[in-house]
C-alpha cells in the first residue's frame, strides 16, 4: 500500500482586475453593473 503524503497545499490563482493584460480569469464581482454588462473577454477580430 502506498504511503499517504498528508496535506499538500495547492498554489492558488489570484483573481485579476479588469485592467490586467490576461483576460482568462477576470474578476467581475467587483465591477459595477455597467462595466460588467459592457465587458468583453475577447478584444480582437471575430468571435
C-alpha atoms as a PDB file:
ATOM      1  CA  UNK A   1       0.000   0.000   0.000  1.00  0.00           C
ATOM      2  CA  UNK A   2       1.251   3.495  -0.878  1.00  0.00           C
ATOM      3  CA  UNK A   3       2.080   5.905   1.889  1.00  0.00           C
ATOM      4  CA  UNK A   4      -0.084   8.992   2.199  1.00  0.00           C
ATOM      5  CA  UNK A   5       1.816  12.248   1.704  1.00  0.00           C
ATOM      6  CA  UNK A   6      -0.501  14.144   4.004  1.00  0.00           C
ATOM      7  CA  UNK A   7      -1.700  17.661   3.305  1.00  0.00           C
ATOM      8  CA  UNK A   8      -0.232  19.325   0.215  1.00  0.00           C
ATOM      9  CA  UNK A   9      -1.214  22.947  -0.372  1.00  0.00           C
ATOM     10  CA  UNK A  10      -2.074  23.871  -3.951  1.00  0.00           C
ATOM     11  CA  UNK A  11      -0.839  27.154  -5.370  1.00  0.00           C
ATOM     12  CA  UNK A  12      -3.819  29.493  -5.540  1.00  0.00           C
ATOM     13  CA  UNK A  13      -4.587  31.508  -8.658  1.00  0.00           C
ATOM     14  CA  UNK A  14      -5.311  35.116  -7.820  1.00  0.00           C
ATOM     15  CA  UNK A  15      -8.246  36.848  -9.430  1.00  0.00           C
ATOM     16  CA  UNK A  16      -7.219  39.549 -11.854  1.00  0.00           C
ATOM     17  CA  UNK A  17      -8.578  43.047 -12.234  1.00  0.00           C
ATOM     18  CA  UNK A  18     -10.209  44.199 -15.460  1.00  0.00           C
ATOM     19  CA  UNK A  19      -7.168  46.306 -16.364  1.00  0.00           C
ATOM     20  CA  UNK A  20      -4.649  43.463 -16.353  1.00  0.00           C
ATOM     21  CA  UNK A  21      -3.243  42.080 -19.600  1.00  0.00           C
ATOM     22  CA  UNK A  22      -4.509  38.493 -19.413  1.00  0.00           C
ATOM     23  CA  UNK A  23      -8.285  38.140 -19.687  1.00  0.00           C
ATOM     24  CA  UNK A  24      -8.539  34.467 -18.774  1.00  0.00           C
ATOM     25  CA  UNK A  25      -9.839  34.915 -15.247  1.00  0.00           C
ATOM     26  CA  UNK A  26     -11.078  38.447 -14.711  1.00  0.00           C
ATOM     27  CA  UNK A  27     -12.867  39.318 -11.504  1.00  0.00           C
ATOM     28  CA  UNK A  28     -16.299  40.656 -12.467  1.00  0.00           C
ATOM     29  CA  UNK A  29     -17.782  40.665  -8.968  1.00  0.00           C
ATOM     30  CA  UNK A  30     -16.019  43.907  -8.067  1.00  0.00           C
ATOM     31  CA  UNK A  31     -17.056  45.694 -11.284  1.00  0.00           C
ATOM     32  CA  UNK A  32     -20.063  47.971 -11.360  1.00  0.00           C
ATOM     33  CA  UNK A  33     -23.174  46.863 -13.284  1.00  0.00           C
ATOM     34  CA  UNK A  34     -22.475  48.990 -16.343  1.00  0.00           C
ATOM     35  CA  UNK A  35     -18.867  47.873 -16.678  1.00  0.00           C
ATOM     36  CA  UNK A  36     -19.849  44.212 -16.193  1.00  0.00           C
ATOM     37  CA  UNK A  37     -22.536  44.485 -18.897  1.00  0.00           C
ATOM     38  CA  UNK A  38     -20.125  46.030 -21.387  1.00  0.00           C
ATOM     39  CA  UNK A  39     -17.142  43.788 -20.584  1.00  0.00           C
ATOM     40  CA  UNK A  40     -15.946  41.572 -23.448  1.00  0.00           C
ATOM     41  CA  UNK A  41     -13.474  38.774 -22.724  1.00  0.00           C
ATOM     42  CA  UNK A  42     -12.075  38.772 -26.247  1.00  0.00           C
ATOM     43  CA  UNK A  43     -10.984  42.034 -27.845  1.00  0.00           C
ATOM     44  CA  UNK A  44      -9.999  41.168 -31.363  1.00  0.00           C
ATOM     45  CA  UNK A  45     -11.303  40.132 -34.733  1.00  0.00           C
ATOM     46  CA  UNK A  46     -14.162  37.656 -34.898  1.00  0.00           C
ATOM     47  CA  UNK A  47     -15.675  35.508 -32.163  1.00  0.00           C
END
